[in-house]
Amino acid sequence: MKDMIVTSAEEQFAKLGLSLPPAPAPLGVYKPYLIDGKYLYVSGHGPVQNDKSLIIGRIGRDMDIEQGKLAARQVGLTILSTIRTHVGDLDRVKRVIKILGMVNCTPEFERHPYVINGCSELFAAIWGTENGIGVRSAVGFGSLPDNIPVEIEAVFELY
């Protein structure tokens, strides 16, 4: 049997060559994250860019499905930034438990899961398919705060 080379989540992230935006501060009355025992709950995050601006627009009107998927990936990066900033490095996360993806889209748009794959694929690349893919919901909304195209909240298990 071939020896398996196990890399950490931090090493996997470095291999991807991506950068994290600044972790967003709450703009309302809520906590961006909460640790309860071995579980990390992350509040809904939007697509914060490296310059702190938000990606905005409605999928099906202002942006296409591929732009929506990239926005969902950016939300994933924003969640990772919150984890690194407030919890420690990405190796504190044992696995992804659940993702709830909300898509700001036109009424006729029906490919919400494809859009949220932008985040799910990122997490799978970092924690692997066994630990990086959890249960998930992907649903459409008539609007989201500040006209962001995607909002995602997540639950993780910690070491």
C-alpha atoms as a PDB file:
ATOM      1  CA  MET A   1       0.000   0.000   0.000  1.00  0.00           C
ATOM      2  CA  LYS A   2       1.257   3.436  -0.894  1.00  0.00           C
ATOM      3  CA  ASP A   3       1.943   5.860   1.941  1.00  0.00           C
ATOM      4  CA  MET A   4      -0.580   8.657   2.074  1.00  0.00           C
ATOM      5  CA  ILE A   5       0.793  12.142   2.438  1.00  0.00           C
ATOM      6  CA  VAL A   6      -1.495  14.113   4.680  1.00  0.00           C
ATOM      7  CA  THR A   7      -1.334  17.867   4.401  1.00  0.00           C
ATOM      8  CA  SER A   8      -2.876  20.316   6.790  1.00  0.00           C
ATOM      9  CA  ALA A   9      -5.680  22.687   5.913  1.00  0.00           C
ATOM     10  CA  GLU A  10      -3.204  25.574   6.124  1.00  0.00           C
ATOM     11  CA  GLU A  11      -0.873  23.807   3.672  1.00  0.00           C
ATOM     12  CA  GLN A  12      -3.769  23.109   1.305  1.00  0.00           C
ATOM     13  CA  PHE A  13      -4.831  26.762   1.469  1.00  0.00           C
ATOM     14  CA  ALA A  14      -1.258  27.887   0.696  1.00  0.00           C
ATOM     15  CA  LYS A  15      -1.152  25.556  -2.333  1.00  0.00           C
ATOM     16  CA  LEU A  16      -4.262  27.240  -3.730  1.00  0.00           C
ATOM     17  CA  GLY A  17      -2.425  30.587  -3.803  1.00  0.00           C
ATOM     18  CA  LEU A  18      -5.484  32.511  -2.627  1.00  0.00           C
ATOM     19  CA  SER A  19      -5.638  35.511  -0.341  1.00  0.00           C
ATOM     20  CA  LEU A  20      -8.140  36.213   2.399  1.00  0.00           C
ATOM     21  CA  PRO A  21     -10.093  39.444   2.651  1.00  0.00           C
ATOM     22  CA  PRO A  22     -10.266  41.174   6.027  1.00  0.00           C
ATOM     23  CA  ALA A  23     -12.660  39.500   8.443  1.00  0.00           C
ATOM     24  CA  PRO A  24     -15.846  41.586   8.465  1.00  0.00           C
ATOM     25  CA  ALA A  25     -17.067  43.293  11.617  1.00  0.00           C
ATOM     26  CA  PRO A  26     -20.749  42.823  12.488  1.00  0.00           C
ATOM     27  CA  LEU A  27     -23.004  45.525  11.058  1.00  0.00           C
ATOM     28  CA  GLY A  28     -25.911  44.568  13.303  1.00  0.00           C
ATOM     29  CA  VAL A  29     -26.693  43.020  16.650  1.00  0.00           C
ATOM     30  CA  TYR A  30     -25.068  39.584  16.286  1.00  0.00           C
ATOM     31  CA  LYS A  31     -21.780  37.737  16.719  1.00  0.00           C
ATOM     32  CA  PRO A  32     -19.810  36.775  13.599  1.00  0.00           C
ATOM     33  CA  TYR A  33     -19.061  33.406  15.177  1.00  0.00           C
ATOM     34  CA  LEU A  34     -19.826  31.380  18.290  1.00  0.00           C
ATOM     35  CA  ILE A  35     -18.038  28.352  19.693  1.00  0.00           C
ATOM     36  CA  ASP A  36     -20.181  25.901  21.652  1.00  0.00           C
ATOM     37  CA  GLY A  37     -18.176  22.919  22.840  1.00  0.00           C
ATOM     38  CA  LYS A  38     -16.573  21.411  19.766  1.00  0.00           C
ATOM     39  CA  TYR A  39     -18.791  23.275  17.285  1.00  0.00           C
ATOM     40  CA  LEU A  40     -18.092  26.564  15.525  1.00  0.00           C
ATOM     41  CA  TYR A  41     -21.135  28.427  14.224  1.00  0.00           C
ATOM     42  CA  VAL A  42     -20.402  31.139  11.669  1.00  0.00           C
ATOM     43  CA  SER A  43     -23.041  33.806  11.000  1.00  0.00           C
ATOM     44  CA  GLY A  44     -24.109  34.629   7.488  1.00  0.00           C
ATOM     45  CA  HIS A  45     -21.227  36.148   5.535  1.00  0.00           C
ATOM     46  CA  GLY A  46     -21.233  38.058   2.275  1.00  0.00           C
ATOM     47  CA  PRO A  47     -18.620  38.318  -0.468  1.00  0.00           C
ATOM     48  CA  VAL A  48     -16.058  40.714   1.034  1.00  0.00           C
ATOM     49  CA  GLN A  49     -13.201  41.563  -1.294  1.00  0.00           C
ATOM     50  CA  ASN A  50      -9.601  42.298  -0.331  1.00  0.00           C
ATOM     51  CA  ASP A  51     -10.300  46.064  -0.358  1.00  0.00           C
ATOM     52  CA  LYS A  52     -13.218  45.505   2.089  1.00  0.00           C
ATOM     53  CA  SER A  53     -15.819  46.279  -0.595  1.00  0.00           C
ATOM     54  CA  LEU A  54     -18.666  43.862  -1.300  1.00  0.00           C
ATOM     55  CA  ILE A  55     -19.487  42.125  -4.538  1.00  0.00           C
ATOM     56  CA  ILE A  56     -23.031  43.277  -5.311  1.00  0.00           C
ATOM     57  CA  GLY A  57     -25.724  42.307  -7.769  1.00  0.00           C
ATOM     58  CA  ARG A  58     -28.577  39.914  -8.380  1.00  0.00           C
ATOM     59  CA  ILE A  59     -27.861  36.683 -10.229  1.00  0.00           C
ATOM     60  CA  GLY A  60     -29.900  36.458 -13.409  1.00  0.00           C
ATOM     61  CA  ARG A  61     -30.095  40.241 -13.730  1.00  0.00           C
ATOM     62  CA  ASP A  62     -26.770  41.899 -12.837  1.00  0.00           C
ATOM     63  CA  MET A  63     -24.486  38.886 -13.068  1.00  0.00           C
ATOM     64  CA  ASP A  64     -24.445  35.453 -14.637  1.00  0.00           C
ATOM     65  CA  ILE A  65     -24.219  32.065 -12.957  1.00  0.00           C
ATOM     66  CA  GLU A  66     -20.405  31.875 -13.204  1.00  0.00           C
ATOM     67  CA  GLN A  67     -20.029  35.296 -11.579  1.00  0.00           C
ATOM     68  CA  GLY A  68     -22.422  34.074  -8.875  1.00  0.00           C
ATOM     69  CA  LYS A  69     -20.307  30.968  -8.291  1.00  0.00           C
ATOM     70  CA  LEU A  70     -17.192  33.150  -7.956  1.00  0.00           C
ATOM     71  CA  ALA A  71     -19.075  35.347  -5.470  1.00  0.00           C
ATOM     72  CA  ALA A  72     -19.902  32.218  -3.429  1.00  0.00           C
ATOM     73  CA  ARG A  73     -16.211  31.278  -3.463  1.00  0.00           C
ATOM     74  CA  GLN A  74     -15.424  34.779  -2.194  1.00  0.00           C
ATOM     75  CA  VAL A  75     -17.928  34.262   0.624  1.00  0.00           C
ATOM     76  CA  GLY A  76     -16.053  31.062   1.474  1.00  0.00           C
ATOM     77  CA  LEU A  77     -12.814  33.035   1.646  1.00  0.00           C
ATOM     78  CA  THR A  78     -14.517  35.575   3.906  1.00  0.00           C
ATOM     79  CA  ILE A  79     -15.636  32.775   6.237  1.00  0.00           C
ATOM     80  CA  LEU A  80     -12.065  31.430   6.279  1.00  0.00           C
ATOM     81  CA  SER A  81     -10.863  34.903   7.233  1.00  0.00           C
ATOM     82  CA  THR A  82     -13.253  34.962  10.189  1.00  0.00           C
ATOM     83  CA  ILE A  83     -11.976  31.542  11.281  1.00  0.00           C
ATOM     84  CA  ARG A  84      -8.337  32.593  11.062  1.00  0.00           C
ATOM     85  CA  THR A  85      -8.926  35.960  12.736  1.00  0.00           C
ATOM     86  CA  HIS A  86     -11.085  34.817  15.644  1.00  0.00           C
ATOM     87  CA  VAL A  87     -10.504  31.082  16.108  1.00  0.00           C
ATOM     88  CA  GLY A  88      -6.922  30.508  14.998  1.00  0.00           C
ATOM     89  CA  ASP A  89      -5.556  28.757  11.956  1.00  0.00           C
ATOM     90  CA  LEU A  90      -7.614  26.597   9.618  1.00  0.00           C
ATOM     91  CA  ASP A  91      -6.174  23.445  11.183  1.00  0.00           C
ATOM     92  CA  ARG A  92      -8.467  24.018  14.194  1.00  0.00           C
ATOM     93  CA  VAL A  93     -11.339  22.860  11.967  1.00  0.00           C
ATOM     94  CA  LYS A  94     -11.881  19.110  11.923  1.00  0.00           C
ATOM     95  CA  ARG A  95     -14.696  19.131   9.371  1.00  0.00           C
ATOM     96  CA  VAL A  96     -17.504  21.060   7.757  1.00  0.00           C
ATOM     97  CA  ILE A  97     -20.859  20.088   9.275  1.00  0.00           C
ATOM     98  CA  LYS A  98     -23.359  22.270   7.382  1.00  0.00           C
ATOM     99  CA  ILE A  99     -23.557  25.123   4.915  1.00  0.00           C
ATOM    100  CA  LEU A 100     -26.651  27.218   4.265  1.00  0.00           C
ATOM    101  CA  GLY A 101     -26.270  29.134   1.005  1.00  0.00           C
ATOM    102  CA  MET A 102     -28.656  31.947   0.148  1.00  0.00           C
ATOM    103  CA  VAL A 103     -28.690  33.229  -3.432  1.00  0.00           C
ATOM    104  CA  ASN A 104     -30.014  36.678  -4.385  1.00  0.00           C
ATOM    105  CA  CYS A 105     -31.557  35.919  -7.762  1.00  0.00           C
ATOM    106  CA  THR A 106     -34.356  36.579 -10.186  1.00  0.00           C
ATOM    107  CA  PRO A 107     -37.545  34.513  -9.718  1.00  0.00           C
ATOM    108  CA  GLU A 108     -36.841  32.347 -12.768  1.00  0.00           C
ATOM    109  CA  PHE A 109     -33.296  31.408 -11.660  1.00  0.00           C
ATOM    110  CA  GLU A 110     -33.189  27.773 -10.510  1.00  0.00           C
ATOM    111  CA  ARG A 111     -29.524  26.775 -10.230  1.00  0.00           C
ATOM    112  CA  HIS A 112     -28.877  27.789  -6.624  1.00  0.00           C
ATOM    113  CA  PRO A 113     -26.834  24.643  -5.820  1.00  0.00           C
ATOM    114  CA  TYR A 114     -24.444  25.366  -8.707  1.00  0.00           C
ATOM    115  CA  VAL A 115     -23.770  28.848  -7.335  1.00  0.00           C
ATOM    116  CA  ILE A 116     -23.141  27.598  -3.773  1.00  0.00           C
ATOM    117  CA  ASN A 117     -20.705  25.025  -5.182  1.00  0.00           C
ATOM    118  CA  GLY A 118     -18.261  27.946  -5.341  1.00  0.00           C
ATOM    119  CA  CYS A 119     -17.972  27.790  -1.549  1.00  0.00           C
ATOM    120  CA  SER A 120     -18.375  24.026  -1.222  1.00  0.00           C
ATOM    121  CA  GLU A 121     -15.599  23.318  -3.731  1.00  0.00           C
ATOM    122  CA  LEU A 122     -13.280  25.706  -1.869  1.00  0.00           C
ATOM    123  CA  PHE A 123     -13.901  23.973   1.460  1.00  0.00           C
ATOM    124  CA  ALA A 124     -13.407  20.538  -0.168  1.00  0.00           C
ATOM    125  CA  ALA A 125     -10.078  21.716  -1.597  1.00  0.00           C
ATOM    126  CA  ILE A 126      -8.926  22.829   1.858  1.00  0.00           C
ATOM    127  CA  TRP A 127     -10.210  20.058   4.149  1.00  0.00           C
ATOM    128  CA  GLY A 128     -10.571  17.256   1.573  1.00  0.00           C
ATOM    129  CA  THR A 129     -13.713  15.583   0.321  1.00  0.00           C
ATOM    130  CA  GLU A 130     -14.236  13.551   3.490  1.00  0.00           C
ATOM    131  CA  ASN A 131     -14.031  16.491   5.941  1.00  0.00           C
ATOM    132  CA  GLY A 132     -14.595  19.483   3.677  1.00  0.00           C
ATOM    133  CA  ILE A 133     -18.030  18.510   2.416  1.00  0.00           C
ATOM    134  CA  GLY A 134     -20.914  18.587   4.863  1.00  0.00           C
ATOM    135  CA  VAL A 135     -24.664  18.704   4.540  1.00  0.00           C
ATOM    136  CA  ARG A 136     -25.980  21.721   2.695  1.00  0.00           C
ATOM    137  CA  SER A 137     -28.952  23.783   1.647  1.00  0.00           C
ATOM    138  CA  ALA A 138     -28.921  26.180  -1.298  1.00  0.00           C
ATOM    139  CA  VAL A 139     -31.958  28.407  -1.690  1.00  0.00           C
ATOM    140  CA  GLY A 140     -33.010  31.469  -3.645  1.00  0.00           C
ATOM    141  CA  PHE A 141     -34.046  34.792  -2.146  1.00  0.00           C
ATOM    142  CA  GLY A 142     -35.703  37.863  -3.590  1.00  0.00           C
ATOM    143  CA  SER A 143     -33.077  40.077  -1.971  1.00  0.00           C
ATOM    144  CA  LEU A 144     -30.125  39.964   0.408  1.00  0.00           C
ATOM    145  CA  PRO A 145     -28.535  42.728   2.513  1.00  0.00           C
ATOM    146  CA  ASP A 146     -26.809  45.469   0.478  1.00  0.00           C
ATOM    147  CA  ASN A 147     -27.800  43.612  -2.722  1.00  0.00           C
ATOM    148  CA  ILE A 148     -25.042  41.011  -2.266  1.00  0.00           C
ATOM    149  CA  PRO A 149     -25.460  38.014  -4.606  1.00  0.00           C
ATOM    150  CA  VAL A 150     -24.716  35.333  -1.994  1.00  0.00           C
ATOM    151  CA  GLU A 151     -24.820  34.941   1.779  1.00  0.00           C
ATOM    152  CA  ILE A 152     -23.569  31.787   3.477  1.00  0.00           C
ATOM    153  CA  GLU A 153     -23.620  30.597   7.067  1.00  0.00           C
ATOM    154  CA  ALA A 154     -21.796  27.492   8.241  1.00  0.00           C
ATOM    155  CA  VAL A 155     -21.246  25.069  11.098  1.00  0.00           C
ATOM    156  CA  PHE A 156     -17.870  23.385  11.658  1.00  0.00           C
ATOM    157  CA  GLU A 157     -16.563  20.783  14.085  1.00  0.00           C
ATOM    158  CA  LEU A 158     -13.357  21.813  15.849  1.00  0.00           C
ATOM    159  CA  TYR A 159     -10.470  19.738  17.157  1.00  0.00           C
END
